[in-house]
Amino acid sequence: MNRNKQLVVNMSASFIAYAVNFAISFFLSPYIVERVGVDAYGFIGLANNFISYAGLISISLNSMAGRFITIKIHENDIDGANRYYTSVFFANFFITAVMGVVFVTATVFLEHIINIPENIFWDVKILFALLFLNCMLGTLGSVFGVSTFATNKLYISSMRAIESNLLKVAIILPAFILFVPRVSYLGISTLACGLYAFGFNVYYMKKLLPDLSIRRAFFDIKAVIEIMMSGIWNLINRVGTLLLDGLDLLITNLLINPVSMGILSLAKSIPGMITGIIGSTVGIFSPNFTILYSQKKDAELLASVKQSMKIMGVMANLPIIILIVCGDLFFALWQPTQDATQLHILSILTCACLIFSGGINCIYNIFTVVNKLKFNSLVVISSGILSTITVFILLKTTNLGIFAVAGTSTVISIIRNFAFTAPYGAICLKQKWYALYPEILKAAVYAIIGACIGYAIRQVVFIDGWIGLVILALITLIASLLVGFFIILNREDRRVVMSKIKRRLKR
């Protein structure tokens, strides 16, 4: 399968996986809020944030493992690939053991770390324990996931993700129907999905990369150190990201109250899905970037990066446009017991930076591929520290509350992306520092025009319940796609797209 077809297949599978995940969240979230309360719902997001904090232990190793193994495979150095593969596995085994000690301690003393209402005390503890266990399982088996990355067959992982999400539904719904509603059921379903993912990763590792195997003779502590020294900047970058938006629920829990944490968690649900789609889609380009870089095809790498930025410029802004136009109506129908306007404003504040940085997300892959992570990581952690300090000051000196928590990181992220990420990404690609700004600005203009058109459409569409909302969203989607076709794509891009459509129609 050629690279373009592989890209389409990977992207389609990834989109379907996230569509299924969105549908599950769409139907389950209001049901959970109604049954267990908005404060209990907030602990689901907070628990996942704690998992992110724990993931810092292994990120310097696992964030770069795929790169090193993939490059060795495409250099036809199987012994070198086995050395990295085996070394990463044994290192992860040690990290998992350390995690176990940390997680047990955190679970036992959880009530001393966060505020937990008495009526859901044990339910929350069980939820955290199960999610911690799933995190350990994921860390231990993370290296097995390299098979679909190294072979550029990420669609396989996406299809298994769809099955995993369906498994989650098959566990949660009967549990909520047959038993007393508890948030810990989410932990049970997540652990079951983790076991399923672990199993298929091992299977595909043996199937797609049969030449790789775990043997003690291949273990090399120098390989572990090499990867970790390269990935240390990913760790610093991740810490910065957590300071930007990964502490928001914890800060809200400690400095405001659990109810506000639940409201913010609800508001972040749709932006979280958008961010997830972007992250998954951006990851699809990474294997091709890595392969082209390992083959020293600089011109093709540059063309591939530009193509990915155009695609992400449309994909990232399409759901944001719909959220801006339809968000208040959606939240009013989706969470009728909550303040729809408040949720709408918070959700836009949370993801507004993506309007400008949809395409910029592709550049982060380049930092990893060319192994130039230092400067980006230092800038990210600096902006994260600034964001956290600013939030504390605003909470102490103003009445902005959760709006300060949601909006501060967005403003700082926009400034960072324009002032550093875009120009430094261009330099890493051996281009002029301003070379990537046109694509970024096109995407921003596209979002503004799309939102204006959507609001104009909203004035003439009669909205009465879900059917009217769906009609408005579909019309806005189609109109925005047409705008993107003429703003994001250049004349040659449009010619190629139309040519492919004509050939498809003739067939």
Protein backbone atom coordinates (compact mmCIF):
# COMPACT_ATOMS: atom_id res chain seq x y z
CA MET A 1 0.00 0.00 0.00
CA ASN A 2 1.49 3.39 -1.01
CA ARG A 3 1.92 6.18 1.52
CA ASN A 4 -1.11 8.25 0.43
CA LYS A 5 -3.46 5.27 0.61
CA GLN A 6 -1.92 4.25 3.94
CA LEU A 7 -2.50 7.77 5.27
CA VAL A 8 -6.15 7.72 4.20
CA VAL A 9 -6.74 4.29 5.75
CA ASN A 10 -5.01 5.24 9.02
CA MET A 11 -6.90 8.52 9.24
CA SER A 12 -10.28 6.97 8.45
CA ALA A 13 -9.85 4.25 11.06
CA SER A 14 -8.71 6.79 13.64
CA PHE A 15 -11.70 9.03 12.92
CA ILE A 16 -14.14 6.10 13.24
CA ALA A 17 -12.54 5.09 16.54
CA TYR A 18 -13.00 8.57 17.96
CA ALA A 19 -16.52 8.84 16.56
CA VAL A 20 -17.45 5.68 18.45
CA ASN A 21 -15.75 7.01 21.59
CA PHE A 22 -17.61 10.31 21.22
CA ALA A 23 -20.93 8.51 20.84
CA ILE A 24 -20.26 6.52 24.00
CA SER A 25 -19.34 9.65 25.96
CA PHE A 26 -22.30 11.51 24.50
CA PHE A 27 -24.85 9.01 25.77
CA LEU A 28 -23.14 7.92 28.98
CA SER A 29 -22.07 11.28 30.44
CA PRO A 30 -25.54 12.75 31.11
CA TYR A 31 -26.68 9.36 32.39
CA ILE A 32 -23.76 9.21 34.84
CA VAL A 33 -24.25 12.83 35.95
CA GLU A 34 -27.93 12.18 36.57
CA ARG A 35 -27.30 8.97 38.52
CA VAL A 36 -24.20 9.81 40.59
CA GLY A 37 -24.07 13.63 40.50
CA VAL A 38 -21.85 16.22 38.83
CA ASP A 39 -19.31 16.20 41.68
CA ALA A 40 -18.78 12.43 41.38
CA TYR A 41 -18.46 12.77 37.62
CA GLY A 42 -15.62 15.24 38.13
CA PHE A 43 -13.56 12.59 39.90
CA ILE A 44 -13.40 10.57 36.68
CA GLY A 45 -11.52 13.37 34.97
CA LEU A 46 -9.41 14.01 38.07
CA ALA A 47 -8.42 10.33 38.27
CA ASN A 48 -7.34 10.42 34.64
CA ASN A 49 -5.28 13.52 35.41
CA PHE A 50 -3.57 11.60 38.21
CA ILE A 51 -2.74 8.91 35.65
CA SER A 52 -1.12 11.62 33.54
CA TYR A 53 0.97 12.68 36.50
CA ALA A 54 2.07 9.09 37.06
CA GLY A 55 2.88 8.70 33.37
CA LEU A 56 5.69 11.18 33.84
CA ILE A 57 7.71 8.32 35.35
CA SER A 58 7.94 6.51 32.00
CA ILE A 59 7.45 9.22 29.39
CA SER A 60 11.15 9.92 28.80
CA LEU A 61 11.56 6.27 27.80
CA ASN A 62 8.34 5.35 26.03
CA SER A 63 7.85 8.60 24.11
CA MET A 64 11.00 7.92 22.10
CA ALA A 65 11.10 4.12 22.03
CA GLY A 66 9.03 3.92 18.84
CA ARG A 67 11.35 6.34 17.06
CA PHE A 68 14.53 4.41 17.86
CA ILE A 69 13.06 0.98 17.08
CA THR A 70 11.42 2.17 13.85
CA ILE A 71 14.59 3.81 12.53
CA LYS A 72 16.61 0.63 13.20
CA ILE A 73 14.01 -1.49 11.43
CA HIS A 74 14.03 0.72 8.32
CA GLU A 75 17.81 0.76 8.36
CA ASN A 76 17.60 -3.06 8.23
CA ASP A 77 19.46 -3.30 11.54
CA ILE A 78 17.36 -6.01 13.22
CA ASP A 79 19.90 -6.64 15.98
CA GLY A 80 19.84 -2.94 16.83
CA ALA A 81 16.02 -2.95 16.86
CA ASN A 82 16.01 -6.00 19.15
CA ARG A 83 18.45 -4.29 21.49
CA TYR A 84 16.15 -1.27 21.89
CA TYR A 85 13.00 -3.42 22.04
CA THR A 86 14.27 -5.73 24.78
CA SER A 87 15.90 -2.94 26.78
CA VAL A 88 12.70 -0.87 26.78
CA PHE A 89 10.62 -3.85 27.94
CA PHE A 90 12.82 -4.61 30.96
CA ALA A 91 13.06 -0.92 31.83
CA ASN A 92 9.26 -0.67 31.75
CA PHE A 93 9.04 -3.71 34.02
CA PHE A 94 11.12 -1.86 36.62
CA ILE A 95 9.10 1.34 36.17
CA THR A 96 5.85 -0.59 36.65
CA ALA A 97 7.14 -1.94 39.97
CA VAL A 98 7.94 1.60 41.14
CA MET A 99 4.48 2.74 40.01
CA GLY A 100 2.92 -0.01 42.10
CA VAL A 101 4.50 1.36 45.29
CA VAL A 102 3.46 4.93 44.45
CA PHE A 103 -0.10 3.96 43.52
CA VAL A 104 -0.73 1.87 46.62
CA THR A 105 0.47 4.74 48.81
CA ALA A 106 -1.63 7.29 46.91
CA THR A 107 -4.76 5.14 47.13
CA VAL A 108 -4.41 4.54 50.88
CA PHE A 109 -3.91 8.25 51.64
CA LEU A 110 -6.11 9.63 48.84
CA GLU A 111 -8.43 11.55 51.20
CA HIS A 112 -5.41 13.49 52.43
CA ILE A 113 -4.50 14.52 48.86
CA ILE A 114 -7.86 15.64 47.47
CA ASN A 115 -11.29 16.61 48.81
CA ILE A 116 -13.69 13.63 48.64
CA PRO A 117 -17.37 13.93 49.70
CA GLU A 118 -18.23 11.36 52.39
CA ASN A 119 -21.14 9.84 50.44
CA ILE A 120 -18.84 8.67 47.61
CA PHE A 121 -15.65 8.13 49.63
CA TRP A 122 -15.07 4.41 48.92
CA ASP A 123 -16.47 4.64 45.39
CA VAL A 124 -13.84 7.23 44.49
CA LYS A 125 -11.07 5.22 46.13
CA ILE A 126 -11.98 2.09 44.16
CA LEU A 127 -12.13 4.16 40.95
CA PHE A 128 -8.62 5.49 41.51
CA ALA A 129 -7.25 2.04 42.42
CA LEU A 130 -8.62 0.44 39.24
CA LEU A 131 -7.37 3.24 37.00
CA PHE A 132 -3.96 3.07 38.66
CA LEU A 133 -3.83 -0.69 37.97
CA ASN A 134 -4.73 -0.09 34.33
CA CYS A 135 -1.94 2.50 34.08
CA MET A 136 0.58 -0.09 35.32
CA LEU A 137 -0.66 -2.58 32.74
CA GLY A 138 -0.38 -0.01 29.96
CA THR A 139 3.14 0.95 30.98
CA LEU A 140 4.31 -2.67 31.09
CA GLY A 141 2.95 -3.41 27.61
CA SER A 142 3.56 -0.07 25.91
CA VAL A 143 6.54 -1.31 23.88
CA PHE A 144 4.34 -3.92 22.18
CA GLY A 145 2.37 -1.10 20.55
CA VAL A 146 5.39 -0.19 18.42
CA SER A 147 4.44 -2.81 15.81
CA THR A 148 1.65 -0.77 14.19
CA PHE A 149 3.76 2.39 14.40
CA ALA A 150 6.89 0.90 12.82
CA THR A 151 4.91 -0.68 9.98
CA ASN A 152 2.71 2.45 9.51
CA LYS A 153 -0.45 0.41 10.14
CA LEU A 154 -2.02 2.52 12.85
CA TYR A 155 -5.46 1.70 11.46
CA ILE A 156 -5.16 -1.67 13.18
CA SER A 157 -4.86 0.03 16.56
CA SER A 158 -7.80 2.28 15.70
CA MET A 159 -10.02 -0.67 14.82
CA ARG A 160 -9.11 -2.43 18.06
CA ALA A 161 -9.85 0.83 19.89
CA ILE A 162 -13.38 0.73 18.45
CA GLU A 163 -13.84 -2.79 19.80
CA SER A 164 -12.40 -1.71 23.13
CA ASN A 165 -14.91 1.14 23.43
CA LEU A 166 -17.78 -1.20 22.63
CA LEU A 167 -16.50 -3.51 25.34
CA LYS A 168 -16.60 -0.56 27.74
CA VAL A 169 -20.28 0.01 26.92
CA ALA A 170 -21.06 -3.69 27.34
CA ILE A 171 -19.71 -3.50 30.90
CA ILE A 172 -20.95 -0.08 32.02
CA LEU A 173 -24.58 -0.21 30.91
CA PRO A 174 -25.52 -3.50 32.60
CA ALA A 175 -23.66 -2.39 35.75
CA PHE A 176 -25.60 0.89 35.96
CA ILE A 177 -28.90 -0.81 35.15
CA LEU A 178 -28.59 -3.83 37.42
CA PHE A 179 -26.71 -2.37 40.38
CA VAL A 180 -26.54 0.82 42.43
CA PRO A 181 -24.90 3.50 40.20
CA ARG A 182 -21.21 4.05 41.02
CA VAL A 183 -18.33 5.81 39.25
CA SER A 184 -16.11 2.82 40.06
CA TYR A 185 -17.84 0.95 37.22
CA LEU A 186 -15.85 3.23 34.90
CA GLY A 187 -12.69 1.87 36.50
CA ILE A 188 -13.78 -1.74 35.97
CA SER A 189 -14.58 -1.13 32.30
CA THR A 190 -11.34 0.78 31.73
CA LEU A 191 -9.27 -2.05 33.22
CA ALA A 192 -11.07 -4.59 31.04
CA CYS A 193 -10.29 -2.48 27.96
CA GLY A 194 -6.67 -2.24 29.10
CA LEU A 195 -6.39 -6.02 29.28
CA TYR A 196 -7.90 -6.27 25.81
CA ALA A 197 -5.42 -3.72 24.41
CA PHE A 198 -2.50 -5.51 26.06
CA GLY A 199 -3.52 -8.78 24.43
CA PHE A 200 -3.89 -7.48 20.89
CA ASN A 201 -0.66 -5.46 21.11
CA VAL A 202 1.25 -8.64 21.98
CA TYR A 203 -0.50 -10.48 19.13
CA TYR A 204 0.30 -7.86 16.49
CA MET A 205 3.86 -7.51 17.70
CA LYS A 206 4.43 -11.18 16.88
CA LYS A 207 2.50 -10.93 13.62
CA LEU A 208 3.88 -7.70 12.14
CA LEU A 209 7.42 -7.79 13.52
CA PRO A 210 8.28 -11.50 13.90
CA ASP A 211 12.01 -10.74 13.81
CA LEU A 212 11.80 -8.84 17.10
CA SER A 213 11.90 -10.78 20.36
CA ILE A 214 12.62 -10.21 24.03
CA ARG A 215 15.84 -11.91 25.14
CA ARG A 216 18.05 -11.17 28.09
CA ALA A 217 21.07 -11.23 25.78
CA PHE A 218 19.69 -8.18 23.94
CA PHE A 219 19.30 -6.06 27.08
CA ASP A 220 21.64 -3.09 27.10
CA ILE A 221 21.48 -0.44 29.79
CA LYS A 222 23.24 1.92 27.40
CA ALA A 223 20.26 1.68 25.03
CA VAL A 224 17.92 2.62 27.88
CA ILE A 225 20.09 5.58 28.83
CA GLU A 226 20.33 6.69 25.19
CA ILE A 227 16.57 6.69 24.75
CA MET A 228 15.92 8.36 28.10
CA MET A 229 18.51 11.06 27.48
CA SER A 230 16.74 11.83 24.22
CA GLY A 231 13.28 11.56 25.78
CA ILE A 232 14.10 13.66 28.85
CA TRP A 233 12.98 16.68 26.91
CA ASN A 234 9.64 15.01 26.22
CA LEU A 235 9.34 14.58 29.98
CA ILE A 236 10.04 18.27 30.54
CA ASN A 237 7.58 19.11 27.76
CA ARG A 238 4.93 16.92 29.36
CA VAL A 239 5.44 18.56 32.75
CA GLY A 240 4.92 21.91 31.07
CA THR A 241 1.74 20.67 29.40
CA LEU A 242 0.41 19.39 32.72
CA LEU A 243 1.12 22.75 34.31
CA LEU A 244 -0.79 24.39 31.47
CA ASP A 245 -3.98 22.32 31.56
CA GLY A 246 -3.41 19.10 33.49
CA LEU A 247 -3.76 20.62 36.96
CA ASP A 248 -7.01 22.46 36.30
CA LEU A 249 -9.32 19.91 37.91
CA LEU A 250 -6.99 19.43 40.88
CA ILE A 251 -6.69 23.19 41.42
CA THR A 252 -10.47 23.56 41.16
CA ASN A 253 -10.99 20.71 43.64
CA LEU A 254 -8.56 22.16 46.19
CA LEU A 255 -9.10 25.92 45.79
CA ILE A 256 -12.79 26.12 44.80
CA ASN A 257 -14.91 22.98 45.43
CA PRO A 258 -15.73 19.50 44.04
CA VAL A 259 -18.94 20.75 42.37
CA SER A 260 -17.04 23.36 40.35
CA MET A 261 -14.55 20.64 39.45
CA GLY A 262 -17.43 18.55 38.09
CA ILE A 263 -18.74 21.50 36.05
CA LEU A 264 -15.29 22.14 34.56
CA SER A 265 -14.91 18.43 33.83
CA LEU A 266 -18.20 18.47 31.92
CA ALA A 267 -17.19 21.60 30.01
CA LYS A 268 -13.91 19.92 29.03
CA SER A 269 -15.61 16.77 27.73
CA ILE A 270 -16.19 18.04 24.18
CA PRO A 271 -12.87 19.94 23.94
CA GLY A 272 -11.25 16.79 25.27
CA MET A 273 -12.75 14.78 22.43
CA ILE A 274 -11.56 17.39 19.91
CA THR A 275 -8.07 17.33 21.39
CA GLY A 276 -8.13 13.55 21.30
CA ILE A 277 -9.09 13.50 17.63
CA ILE A 278 -6.32 15.96 16.84
CA GLY A 279 -3.77 14.03 18.86
CA SER A 280 -4.72 10.75 17.23
CA THR A 281 -4.74 12.23 13.73
CA VAL A 282 -1.42 14.00 14.22
CA GLY A 283 0.07 10.72 15.41
CA ILE A 284 -0.88 9.14 12.09
CA PHE A 285 1.60 11.38 10.27
CA SER A 286 4.46 10.57 12.65
CA PRO A 287 5.41 7.11 11.29
CA ASN A 288 5.71 8.51 7.76
CA PHE A 289 7.79 11.44 9.04
CA THR A 290 10.07 9.02 10.88
CA ILE A 291 10.46 6.71 7.88
CA LEU A 292 11.22 9.59 5.48
CA TYR A 293 13.73 11.05 7.94
CA SER A 294 15.46 7.69 8.40
CA GLN A 295 15.70 7.39 4.61
CA LYS A 296 17.09 10.97 4.42
CA LYS A 297 14.36 12.12 2.01
CA ASP A 298 14.33 15.76 3.13
CA ALA A 299 12.24 17.13 0.27
CA GLU A 300 9.55 14.48 0.73
CA LEU A 301 9.58 15.08 4.48
CA LEU A 302 8.97 18.80 4.00
CA ALA A 303 6.14 18.12 1.53
CA SER A 304 4.59 15.63 3.94
CA VAL A 305 4.72 18.13 6.82
CA LYS A 306 3.04 20.84 4.75
CA GLN A 307 0.36 18.41 3.63
CA SER A 308 -0.30 17.36 7.23
CA MET A 309 -0.62 20.99 8.34
CA LYS A 310 -3.24 21.66 5.68
CA ILE A 311 -5.22 18.59 6.66
CA MET A 312 -5.04 19.44 10.35
CA GLY A 313 -5.96 23.05 9.67
CA VAL A 314 -9.34 21.82 8.46
CA MET A 315 -9.82 18.85 10.79
CA ALA A 316 -8.98 20.74 13.97
CA ASN A 317 -11.25 23.68 13.20
CA LEU A 318 -14.30 21.86 11.88
CA PRO A 319 -15.46 20.61 15.31
CA ILE A 320 -14.45 23.91 16.94
CA ILE A 321 -16.61 25.84 14.47
CA ILE A 322 -19.55 23.59 15.28
CA LEU A 323 -18.88 23.95 19.01
CA ILE A 324 -18.84 27.75 18.73
CA VAL A 325 -22.05 27.87 16.70
CA CYS A 326 -24.03 25.08 18.38
CA GLY A 327 -22.40 24.67 21.80
CA ASP A 328 -24.98 26.42 23.98
CA LEU A 329 -27.83 24.55 22.29
CA PHE A 330 -25.95 21.27 22.63
CA PHE A 331 -25.22 21.66 26.35
CA ALA A 332 -28.82 22.70 27.06
CA LEU A 333 -30.06 19.44 25.52
CA TRP A 334 -27.19 17.24 26.65
CA GLN A 335 -26.99 18.39 30.28
CA PRO A 336 -30.41 19.88 31.05
CA THR A 337 -29.64 20.05 34.79
CA GLN A 338 -26.61 22.34 34.25
CA ASP A 339 -26.05 25.94 33.13
CA ALA A 340 -25.64 25.60 29.35
CA THR A 341 -24.22 29.09 28.83
CA GLN A 342 -21.57 28.54 31.48
CA LEU A 343 -20.59 25.17 29.99
CA HIS A 344 -20.44 26.70 26.50
CA ILE A 345 -18.14 29.55 27.54
CA LEU A 346 -15.87 27.22 29.51
CA SER A 347 -15.62 24.77 26.63
CA ILE A 348 -14.63 27.50 24.16
CA LEU A 349 -12.08 28.92 26.60
CA THR A 350 -10.59 25.45 26.98
CA CYS A 351 -10.01 24.75 23.30
CA ALA A 352 -9.72 28.22 21.69
CA CYS A 353 -5.97 27.79 21.24
CA LEU A 354 -6.65 24.93 18.80
CA ILE A 355 -8.09 27.47 16.35
CA PHE A 356 -4.54 28.64 15.76
CA SER A 357 -2.58 25.53 16.57
CA GLY A 358 -4.34 22.68 14.73
CA GLY A 359 -1.59 22.58 12.13
CA ILE A 360 1.09 23.48 14.65
CA ASN A 361 0.48 20.14 16.36
CA CYS A 362 2.17 18.48 13.39
CA ILE A 363 5.36 20.36 14.21
CA TYR A 364 5.68 18.64 17.57
CA ASN A 365 6.18 15.37 15.67
CA ILE A 366 9.08 16.98 13.82
CA PHE A 367 10.83 17.86 17.07
CA THR A 368 10.71 14.17 17.99
CA VAL A 369 11.71 12.88 14.54
CA VAL A 370 14.77 15.12 14.20
CA ASN A 371 15.50 14.65 17.91
CA LYS A 372 15.51 18.38 18.70
CA LEU A 373 13.32 18.52 21.77
CA LYS A 374 15.35 20.66 24.17
CA PHE A 375 14.30 24.21 23.30
CA ASN A 376 10.65 23.35 22.79
CA SER A 377 10.51 21.53 26.12
CA LEU A 378 12.12 24.43 28.00
CA VAL A 379 9.64 26.88 26.47
CA VAL A 380 6.65 24.63 27.24
CA ILE A 381 7.60 24.13 30.89
CA SER A 382 8.28 27.86 31.27
CA SER A 383 4.84 28.67 29.89
CA GLY A 384 3.31 26.01 32.16
CA ILE A 385 4.90 27.54 35.25
CA LEU A 386 3.72 30.99 34.17
CA SER A 387 0.20 29.67 33.58
CA THR A 388 -0.02 27.98 36.99
CA ILE A 389 1.26 31.07 38.82
CA THR A 390 -1.18 33.28 36.90
CA VAL A 391 -4.13 31.02 37.80
CA PHE A 392 -3.27 31.15 41.50
CA ILE A 393 -3.00 34.95 41.37
CA LEU A 394 -6.32 35.32 39.53
CA LEU A 395 -8.11 32.97 41.95
CA LYS A 396 -6.80 34.96 44.91
CA THR A 397 -7.39 38.46 43.51
CA THR A 398 -10.48 38.15 41.28
CA ASN A 399 -13.90 36.51 41.17
CA LEU A 400 -13.26 34.76 37.85
CA GLY A 401 -13.23 31.31 39.50
CA ILE A 402 -13.23 28.42 37.03
CA PHE A 403 -13.16 30.86 34.09
CA ALA A 404 -9.64 31.84 35.18
CA VAL A 405 -8.68 28.16 35.38
CA ALA A 406 -10.04 27.45 31.90
CA GLY A 407 -8.84 30.55 30.06
CA THR A 408 -5.34 31.26 31.34
CA SER A 409 -3.60 28.29 29.74
CA THR A 410 -5.34 28.99 26.43
CA VAL A 411 -4.02 32.56 26.20
CA ILE A 412 -0.48 31.53 27.12
CA SER A 413 -0.54 28.59 24.69
CA ILE A 414 -1.53 30.86 21.80
CA ILE A 415 1.32 33.25 22.58
CA ARG A 416 3.82 30.38 22.83
CA ASN A 417 2.78 28.78 19.56
CA PHE A 418 3.05 32.02 17.60
CA ALA A 419 6.23 33.29 19.24
CA PHE A 420 8.20 30.03 19.35
CA THR A 421 6.70 26.77 18.03
CA ALA A 422 5.96 27.93 14.48
CA PRO A 423 9.30 29.65 13.79
CA TYR A 424 11.40 26.97 15.49
CA GLY A 425 9.55 24.22 13.60
CA ALA A 426 10.39 25.94 10.33
CA ILE A 427 14.05 26.17 11.32
CA CYS A 428 14.12 22.44 12.17
CA LEU A 429 12.85 21.81 8.63
CA LYS A 430 15.67 24.03 7.29
CA GLN A 431 13.25 26.74 6.18
CA LYS A 432 12.92 30.46 6.88
CA TRP A 433 11.58 31.13 10.38
CA TYR A 434 8.35 32.60 9.01
CA ALA A 435 7.70 29.84 6.46
CA LEU A 436 4.85 28.15 8.37
CA TYR A 437 2.88 31.24 9.39
CA PRO A 438 0.76 31.42 6.19
CA GLU A 439 -0.73 27.96 6.80
CA ILE A 440 -1.43 28.76 10.46
CA LEU A 441 -3.11 32.08 9.66
CA LYS A 442 -5.17 30.47 6.91
CA ALA A 443 -6.54 27.99 9.43
CA ALA A 444 -7.44 30.80 11.87
CA VAL A 445 -9.18 32.83 9.16
CA TYR A 446 -10.97 29.67 8.12
CA ALA A 447 -12.31 29.17 11.66
CA ILE A 448 -13.54 32.78 11.89
CA ILE A 449 -15.29 32.66 8.51
CA GLY A 450 -16.79 29.25 9.26
CA ALA A 451 -18.16 30.44 12.61
CA CYS A 452 -19.67 33.58 11.03
CA ILE A 453 -21.35 31.51 8.33
CA GLY A 454 -22.62 29.11 10.98
CA TYR A 455 -24.18 31.90 13.01
CA ALA A 456 -25.81 33.27 9.85
CA ILE A 457 -27.27 29.82 9.14
CA ARG A 458 -28.47 29.60 12.74
CA GLN A 459 -30.65 32.67 12.22
CA VAL A 460 -32.74 30.93 9.56
CA VAL A 461 -32.80 27.33 10.86
CA PHE A 462 -35.66 26.48 13.21
CA ILE A 463 -34.17 24.62 16.17
CA ASP A 464 -36.56 22.55 18.22
CA GLY A 465 -34.75 19.78 20.04
CA TRP A 466 -32.11 17.38 18.81
CA ILE A 467 -33.33 17.17 15.22
CA GLY A 468 -33.02 20.92 14.67
CA LEU A 469 -29.60 20.94 16.34
CA VAL A 470 -28.35 18.10 14.12
CA ILE A 471 -29.63 19.89 11.00
CA LEU A 472 -27.87 23.10 12.02
CA ALA A 473 -24.64 21.22 12.76
CA LEU A 474 -24.73 19.36 9.42
CA ILE A 475 -25.37 22.53 7.40
CA THR A 476 -22.57 24.31 9.28
CA LEU A 477 -20.29 21.33 8.67
CA ILE A 478 -20.95 21.27 4.92
CA ALA A 479 -20.57 25.04 4.58
CA SER A 480 -17.32 24.97 6.59
CA LEU A 481 -15.95 22.14 4.46
CA LEU A 482 -16.56 24.18 1.32
CA VAL A 483 -14.86 27.20 2.88
CA GLY A 484 -11.91 25.04 3.90
CA PHE A 485 -11.66 23.68 0.36
CA PHE A 486 -11.06 27.17 -1.01
CA ILE A 487 -9.12 28.78 1.86
CA ILE A 488 -6.84 26.04 3.16
CA LEU A 489 -6.12 24.24 -0.10
CA ASN A 490 -4.25 25.99 -2.90
CA ARG A 491 -5.05 25.69 -6.60
CA GLU A 492 -2.86 22.62 -7.10
CA ASP A 493 -4.34 20.91 -4.03
CA ARG A 494 -7.86 21.55 -5.32
CA ARG A 495 -6.94 20.25 -8.77
CA VAL A 496 -5.62 17.00 -7.29
CA VAL A 497 -8.67 16.56 -5.06
CA MET A 498 -11.13 17.19 -7.92
CA SER A 499 -9.19 14.84 -10.18
CA LYS A 500 -9.45 12.05 -7.62
CA ILE A 501 -13.17 12.69 -7.12
CA LYS A 502 -13.81 12.57 -10.88
CA ARG A 503 -11.89 9.30 -11.23
CA ARG A 504 -13.87 7.84 -8.33
CA LEU A 505 -17.20 8.90 -9.91
CA LYS A 506 -16.22 7.37 -13.27
CA ARG A 507 -15.50 4.07 -11.53
